[in-house]
Amino acid sequence: MRTVRVLLLLSFLLISLTTASALTVSIPDGSGAVGDTTSISVNVKDAQNIGSMDLVIAYDPEILKVVKVEKGGLVKGLFSSNTEQTGIVAIGIVDSKGINGNGEIAKITFEVLKEGESRINIVDAKAYDVESHIDIKVTGENGVFKAEKAEKTGETDKTEKAPTPAEEKKSPGFEAGFAVVALAVVLMLRRGREK
């Protein structure tokens, strides 16, 4: 009977150790105009002593293109990202002092390619405690990005607009160079005829 009690106590302790508090990773909804760049935060809620995290985030590459991935303010340790596979952002974080609290752990900057809607999904997330290296249960909250048509400013395209006097003065100067070359060729031809 005593052995059964010891086994029950040990199993209870093991269960309580291996089920560290849950962590929520979230991506808020966002929007932006076609042609613009915009940043989306990757946030954590209720982080307690997180030593390392691995995240895989998916997006629609027809709507968005990754420009850069940066470390968020909550992360003081090592941060790496991989965007080689189109439509996927892989993020790795290691923080020996532990990540605690609520806030931004990463920021993804996208270029908006065309009008439409892209889900930004956390397709895989793993987190480990800094001391015991025990798996921490991660709950993901996905976001939706709405790509909107670029607003017209009322101006005509710069290639169609007539240059102002100030713009005309800023010409690259190839006209003067062309004139010097042409003059040199004419002088060489004259000298050739005189001989």
C-alpha atoms as a PDB file:
ATOM      1  CA  MET A   1       0.000   0.000   0.000  1.00  0.00           C
ATOM      2  CA  ARG A   2       2.837   2.349   0.847  1.00  0.00           C
ATOM      3  CA  THR A   3       4.454   1.703  -2.563  1.00  0.00           C
ATOM      4  CA  VAL A   4       1.216   2.670  -4.307  1.00  0.00           C
ATOM      5  CA  ARG A   5       1.079   5.961  -2.380  1.00  0.00           C
ATOM      6  CA  VAL A   6       4.704   6.760  -3.268  1.00  0.00           C
ATOM      7  CA  LEU A   7       4.033   5.973  -6.939  1.00  0.00           C
ATOM      8  CA  LEU A   8       0.916   8.163  -6.937  1.00  0.00           C
ATOM      9  CA  LEU A   9       2.825  11.008  -5.306  1.00  0.00           C
ATOM     10  CA  LEU A  10       5.685  10.681  -7.802  1.00  0.00           C
ATOM     11  CA  SER A  11       3.318  10.596 -10.768  1.00  0.00           C
ATOM     12  CA  PHE A  12       1.502  13.684  -9.443  1.00  0.00           C
ATOM     13  CA  LEU A  13       4.845  15.498  -9.110  1.00  0.00           C
ATOM     14  CA  LEU A  14       5.869  14.478 -12.630  1.00  0.00           C
ATOM     15  CA  ILE A  15       2.578  15.661 -14.083  1.00  0.00           C
ATOM     16  CA  SER A  16       2.846  19.014 -12.299  1.00  0.00           C
ATOM     17  CA  LEU A  17       6.444  19.449 -13.519  1.00  0.00           C
ATOM     18  CA  THR A  18       5.799  18.547 -17.126  1.00  0.00           C
ATOM     19  CA  THR A  19       2.719  20.711 -17.483  1.00  0.00           C
ATOM     20  CA  ALA A  20       4.277  24.134 -17.096  1.00  0.00           C
ATOM     21  CA  SER A  21       1.967  27.092 -17.491  1.00  0.00           C
ATOM     22  CA  ALA A  22       0.503  27.667 -20.944  1.00  0.00           C
ATOM     23  CA  LEU A  23       1.797  30.345 -23.290  1.00  0.00           C
ATOM     24  CA  THR A  24      -0.203  32.232 -25.914  1.00  0.00           C
ATOM     25  CA  VAL A  25       1.477  33.392 -29.131  1.00  0.00           C
ATOM     26  CA  SER A  26      -0.651  35.782 -31.169  1.00  0.00           C
ATOM     27  CA  ILE A  27      -0.562  37.683 -34.430  1.00  0.00           C
ATOM     28  CA  PRO A  28      -2.953  40.645 -34.641  1.00  0.00           C
ATOM     29  CA  ASP A  29      -5.018  41.488 -37.706  1.00  0.00           C
ATOM     30  CA  GLY A  30      -3.507  44.104 -39.993  1.00  0.00           C
ATOM     31  CA  SER A  31      -4.016  46.007 -43.216  1.00  0.00           C
ATOM     32  CA  GLY A  32      -2.053  47.991 -45.775  1.00  0.00           C
ATOM     33  CA  ALA A  33      -2.190  49.426 -49.261  1.00  0.00           C
ATOM     34  CA  VAL A  34      -0.744  47.710 -52.331  1.00  0.00           C
ATOM     35  CA  GLY A  35       2.837  48.890 -52.880  1.00  0.00           C
ATOM     36  CA  ASP A  36       3.415  49.812 -49.227  1.00  0.00           C
ATOM     37  CA  THR A  37       5.472  48.010 -46.590  1.00  0.00           C
ATOM     38  CA  THR A  38       3.889  47.225 -43.247  1.00  0.00           C
ATOM     39  CA  SER A  39       4.958  45.456 -40.063  1.00  0.00           C
ATOM     40  CA  ILE A  40       3.100  42.740 -38.161  1.00  0.00           C
ATOM     41  CA  SER A  41       3.930  41.907 -34.544  1.00  0.00           C
ATOM     42  CA  VAL A  42       4.281  38.406 -33.121  1.00  0.00           C
ATOM     43  CA  ASN A  43       3.286  38.671 -29.464  1.00  0.00           C
ATOM     44  CA  VAL A  44       3.316  36.467 -26.386  1.00  0.00           C
ATOM     45  CA  LYS A  45       0.954  36.540 -23.443  1.00  0.00           C
ATOM     46  CA  ASP A  46       1.633  35.051 -20.013  1.00  0.00           C
ATOM     47  CA  ALA A  47       5.251  34.109 -20.782  1.00  0.00           C
ATOM     48  CA  GLN A  48       6.955  32.634 -17.743  1.00  0.00           C
ATOM     49  CA  ASN A  49      10.633  31.774 -17.815  1.00  0.00           C
ATOM     50  CA  ILE A  50      10.710  30.868 -21.537  1.00  0.00           C
ATOM     51  CA  GLY A  51      14.243  29.773 -22.436  1.00  0.00           C
ATOM     52  CA  SER A  52      13.709  28.985 -26.113  1.00  0.00           C
ATOM     53  CA  MET A  53      11.025  29.074 -28.787  1.00  0.00           C
ATOM     54  CA  ASP A  54      10.622  27.788 -32.319  1.00  0.00           C
ATOM     55  CA  LEU A  55       7.862  29.274 -34.489  1.00  0.00           C
ATOM     56  CA  VAL A  56       6.722  28.591 -38.037  1.00  0.00           C
ATOM     57  CA  ILE A  57       4.405  31.213 -39.518  1.00  0.00           C
ATOM     58  CA  ALA A  58       2.633  30.905 -42.893  1.00  0.00           C
ATOM     59  CA  TYR A  59       1.269  33.672 -45.139  1.00  0.00           C
ATOM     60  CA  ASP A  60      -0.029  34.016 -48.718  1.00  0.00           C
ATOM     61  CA  PRO A  61       2.967  34.851 -50.967  1.00  0.00           C
ATOM     62  CA  GLU A  62       0.680  36.133 -53.701  1.00  0.00           C
ATOM     63  CA  ILE A  63      -0.493  38.923 -51.372  1.00  0.00           C
ATOM     64  CA  LEU A  64       2.591  39.518 -49.203  1.00  0.00           C
ATOM     65  CA  LYS A  65       6.371  39.357 -49.562  1.00  0.00           C
ATOM     66  CA  VAL A  66       8.713  39.319 -46.541  1.00  0.00           C
ATOM     67  CA  VAL A  67      11.108  42.275 -46.445  1.00  0.00           C
ATOM     68  CA  LYS A  68      12.708  41.578 -43.051  1.00  0.00           C
ATOM     69  CA  VAL A  69      12.201  39.824 -39.718  1.00  0.00           C
ATOM     70  CA  GLU A  70      13.392  41.513 -36.516  1.00  0.00           C
ATOM     71  CA  LYS A  71      13.690  40.712 -32.807  1.00  0.00           C
ATOM     72  CA  GLY A  72      10.879  42.061 -30.636  1.00  0.00           C
ATOM     73  CA  GLY A  73      11.408  44.180 -27.537  1.00  0.00           C
ATOM     74  CA  LEU A  74      10.665  41.343 -25.116  1.00  0.00           C
ATOM     75  CA  VAL A  75      13.599  39.250 -26.391  1.00  0.00           C
ATOM     76  CA  LYS A  76      17.029  40.006 -24.921  1.00  0.00           C
ATOM     77  CA  GLY A  77      18.790  36.832 -26.107  1.00  0.00           C
ATOM     78  CA  LEU A  78      19.581  35.295 -29.488  1.00  0.00           C
ATOM     79  CA  PHE A  79      17.164  35.607 -32.408  1.00  0.00           C
ATOM     80  CA  SER A  80      17.264  34.044 -35.864  1.00  0.00           C
ATOM     81  CA  SER A  81      14.877  33.800 -38.770  1.00  0.00           C
ATOM     82  CA  ASN A  82      14.648  31.963 -42.077  1.00  0.00           C
ATOM     83  CA  THR A  83      12.533  33.168 -45.005  1.00  0.00           C
ATOM     84  CA  GLU A  84      14.017  31.026 -47.783  1.00  0.00           C
ATOM     85  CA  GLN A  85      10.831  29.017 -48.289  1.00  0.00           C
ATOM     86  CA  THR A  86       8.198  31.181 -49.967  1.00  0.00           C
ATOM     87  CA  GLY A  87       5.144  31.683 -47.783  1.00  0.00           C
ATOM     88  CA  ILE A  88       6.926  30.584 -44.589  1.00  0.00           C
ATOM     89  CA  VAL A  89       8.777  32.462 -41.836  1.00  0.00           C
ATOM     90  CA  ALA A  90      10.707  30.287 -39.356  1.00  0.00           C
ATOM     91  CA  ILE A  91      11.838  31.971 -36.132  1.00  0.00           C
ATOM     92  CA  GLY A  92      14.182  30.668 -33.431  1.00  0.00           C
ATOM     93  CA  ILE A  93      14.685  32.391 -30.067  1.00  0.00           C
ATOM     94  CA  VAL A  94      17.058  31.492 -27.204  1.00  0.00           C
ATOM     95  CA  ASP A  95      17.113  33.600 -24.062  1.00  0.00           C
ATOM     96  CA  SER A  96      19.207  32.288 -21.146  1.00  0.00           C
ATOM     97  CA  LYS A  97      17.609  34.781 -18.725  1.00  0.00           C
ATOM     98  CA  GLY A  98      14.095  33.772 -19.733  1.00  0.00           C
ATOM     99  CA  ILE A  99      11.272  35.628 -21.457  1.00  0.00           C
ATOM    100  CA  ASN A 100       8.595  36.801 -19.063  1.00  0.00           C
ATOM    101  CA  GLY A 101       5.374  38.765 -19.354  1.00  0.00           C
ATOM    102  CA  ASN A 102       3.414  40.077 -22.323  1.00  0.00           C
ATOM    103  CA  GLY A 103       4.768  41.768 -25.437  1.00  0.00           C
ATOM    104  CA  GLU A 104       6.396  41.553 -28.837  1.00  0.00           C
ATOM    105  CA  ILE A 105       8.898  38.778 -29.546  1.00  0.00           C
ATOM    106  CA  ALA A 106       9.236  39.387 -33.304  1.00  0.00           C
ATOM    107  CA  LYS A 107       8.272  41.867 -35.994  1.00  0.00           C
ATOM    108  CA  ILE A 108       7.753  40.800 -39.623  1.00  0.00           C
ATOM    109  CA  THR A 109       7.827  43.507 -42.282  1.00  0.00           C
ATOM    110  CA  PHE A 110       5.928  42.701 -45.479  1.00  0.00           C
ATOM    111  CA  GLU A 111       5.622  44.362 -48.861  1.00  0.00           C
ATOM    112  CA  VAL A 112       1.985  44.376 -49.998  1.00  0.00           C
ATOM    113  CA  LEU A 113       1.921  42.893 -53.511  1.00  0.00           C
ATOM    114  CA  LYS A 114      -1.724  42.865 -54.524  1.00  0.00           C
ATOM    115  CA  GLU A 115      -5.234  43.401 -53.273  1.00  0.00           C
ATOM    116  CA  GLY A 116      -6.769  40.584 -51.262  1.00  0.00           C
ATOM    117  CA  GLU A 117      -6.673  38.852 -47.911  1.00  0.00           C
ATOM    118  CA  SER A 118      -3.929  36.724 -46.386  1.00  0.00           C
ATOM    119  CA  ARG A 119      -4.212  34.667 -43.241  1.00  0.00           C
ATOM    120  CA  ILE A 120      -1.071  34.823 -41.124  1.00  0.00           C
ATOM    121  CA  ASN A 121      -1.081  31.495 -39.317  1.00  0.00           C
ATOM    122  CA  ILE A 122       1.120  30.050 -36.611  1.00  0.00           C
ATOM    123  CA  VAL A 123       1.467  26.551 -38.054  1.00  0.00           C
ATOM    124  CA  ASP A 124       3.954  25.266 -35.478  1.00  0.00           C
ATOM    125  CA  ALA A 125       5.060  26.612 -32.107  1.00  0.00           C
ATOM    126  CA  LYS A 126       7.295  25.080 -29.455  1.00  0.00           C
ATOM    127  CA  ALA A 127       8.509  26.613 -26.219  1.00  0.00           C
ATOM    128  CA  TYR A 128      10.785  25.324 -23.470  1.00  0.00           C
ATOM    129  CA  ASP A 129      11.398  26.401 -19.890  1.00  0.00           C
ATOM    130  CA  VAL A 130      14.787  28.064 -19.297  1.00  0.00           C
ATOM    131  CA  GLU A 131      15.760  25.903 -16.310  1.00  0.00           C
ATOM    132  CA  SER A 132      14.119  22.512 -16.727  1.00  0.00           C
ATOM    133  CA  HIS A 133      13.874  22.516 -20.554  1.00  0.00           C
ATOM    134  CA  ILE A 134      10.346  21.117 -20.161  1.00  0.00           C
ATOM    135  CA  ASP A 135       7.918  21.626 -23.046  1.00  0.00           C
ATOM    136  CA  ILE A 136       5.510  24.473 -22.472  1.00  0.00           C
ATOM    137  CA  LYS A 137       2.052  24.218 -23.997  1.00  0.00           C
ATOM    138  CA  VAL A 138       1.634  26.891 -26.687  1.00  0.00           C
ATOM    139  CA  THR A 139      -1.688  28.212 -27.915  1.00  0.00           C
ATOM    140  CA  GLY A 140      -1.647  30.142 -31.193  1.00  0.00           C
ATOM    141  CA  GLU A 141      -3.940  32.993 -32.213  1.00  0.00           C
ATOM    142  CA  ASN A 142      -3.778  33.700 -35.949  1.00  0.00           C
ATOM    143  CA  GLY A 143      -4.238  36.987 -37.727  1.00  0.00           C
ATOM    144  CA  VAL A 144      -5.691  38.184 -41.039  1.00  0.00           C
ATOM    145  CA  PHE A 145      -4.036  40.802 -43.239  1.00  0.00           C
ATOM    146  CA  LYS A 146      -6.227  42.848 -45.609  1.00  0.00           C
ATOM    147  CA  ALA A 147      -4.389  44.256 -48.620  1.00  0.00           C
ATOM    148  CA  GLU A 148      -6.247  47.262 -49.966  1.00  0.00           C
ATOM    149  CA  LYS A 149      -6.068  49.085 -53.272  1.00  0.00           C
ATOM    150  CA  ALA A 150      -3.597  51.972 -53.236  1.00  0.00           C
ATOM    151  CA  GLU A 151      -5.308  55.340 -52.885  1.00  0.00           C
ATOM    152  CA  LYS A 152      -4.991  57.790 -55.763  1.00  0.00           C
ATOM    153  CA  THR A 153      -3.468  61.098 -54.716  1.00  0.00           C
ATOM    154  CA  GLY A 154      -4.936  63.073 -57.618  1.00  0.00           C
ATOM    155  CA  GLU A 155      -1.525  63.683 -59.201  1.00  0.00           C
ATOM    156  CA  THR A 156      -0.668  62.343 -62.613  1.00  0.00           C
ATOM    157  CA  ASP A 157       2.143  59.879 -63.027  1.00  0.00           C
ATOM    158  CA  LYS A 158       5.551  61.588 -62.781  1.00  0.00           C
ATOM    159  CA  THR A 159       6.599  60.217 -66.166  1.00  0.00           C
ATOM    160  CA  GLU A 160       3.680  62.048 -67.808  1.00  0.00           C
ATOM    161  CA  LYS A 161       4.103  65.303 -65.889  1.00  0.00           C
ATOM    162  CA  ALA A 162       6.004  68.108 -67.617  1.00  0.00           C
ATOM    163  CA  PRO A 163       9.221  68.951 -65.758  1.00  0.00           C
ATOM    164  CA  THR A 164       9.357  72.146 -63.729  1.00  0.00           C
ATOM    165  CA  PRO A 165      12.219  74.618 -64.361  1.00  0.00           C
ATOM    166  CA  ALA A 166      13.927  73.355 -61.185  1.00  0.00           C
ATOM    167  CA  GLU A 167      13.697  69.739 -62.424  1.00  0.00           C
ATOM    168  CA  GLU A 168      15.069  70.736 -65.826  1.00  0.00           C
ATOM    169  CA  LYS A 169      18.164  72.193 -64.127  1.00  0.00           C
ATOM    170  CA  LYS A 170      18.719  68.843 -62.380  1.00  0.00           C
ATOM    171  CA  SER A 171      19.362  66.966 -65.636  1.00  0.00           C
ATOM    172  CA  PRO A 172      22.107  64.386 -65.370  1.00  0.00           C
ATOM    173  CA  GLY A 173      24.454  66.384 -67.634  1.00  0.00           C
ATOM    174  CA  PHE A 174      24.842  63.811 -70.397  1.00  0.00           C
ATOM    175  CA  GLU A 175      23.796  66.485 -72.939  1.00  0.00           C
ATOM    176  CA  ALA A 176      26.932  68.522 -72.175  1.00  0.00           C
ATOM    177  CA  GLY A 177      29.091  65.399 -72.362  1.00  0.00           C
ATOM    178  CA  PHE A 178      27.535  64.457 -75.694  1.00  0.00           C
ATOM    179  CA  ALA A 179      28.214  67.979 -77.018  1.00  0.00           C
ATOM    180  CA  VAL A 180      31.899  67.788 -75.983  1.00  0.00           C
ATOM    181  CA  VAL A 181      32.315  64.395 -77.691  1.00  0.00           C
ATOM    182  CA  ALA A 182      30.589  65.665 -80.848  1.00  0.00           C
ATOM    183  CA  LEU A 183      32.809  68.769 -80.896  1.00  0.00           C
ATOM    184  CA  ALA A 184      35.937  66.628 -80.494  1.00  0.00           C
ATOM    185  CA  VAL A 185      34.859  64.406 -83.403  1.00  0.00           C
ATOM    186  CA  VAL A 186      34.238  67.463 -85.625  1.00  0.00           C
ATOM    187  CA  LEU A 187      37.671  68.907 -84.758  1.00  0.00           C
ATOM    188  CA  MET A 188      39.356  65.585 -85.498  1.00  0.00           C
ATOM    189  CA  LEU A 189      37.605  65.378 -88.876  1.00  0.00           C
ATOM    190  CA  ARG A 190      38.704  68.924 -89.772  1.00  0.00           C
ATOM    191  CA  ARG A 191      42.307  68.201 -88.859  1.00  0.00           C
ATOM    192  CA  GLY A 192      42.162  65.049 -90.934  1.00  0.00           C
ATOM    193  CA  ARG A 193      40.968  67.023 -93.982  1.00  0.00           C
ATOM    194  CA  GLU A 194      43.593  69.721 -93.526  1.00  0.00           C
ATOM    195  CA  LYS A 195      46.405  67.178 -93.762  1.00  0.00           C
END
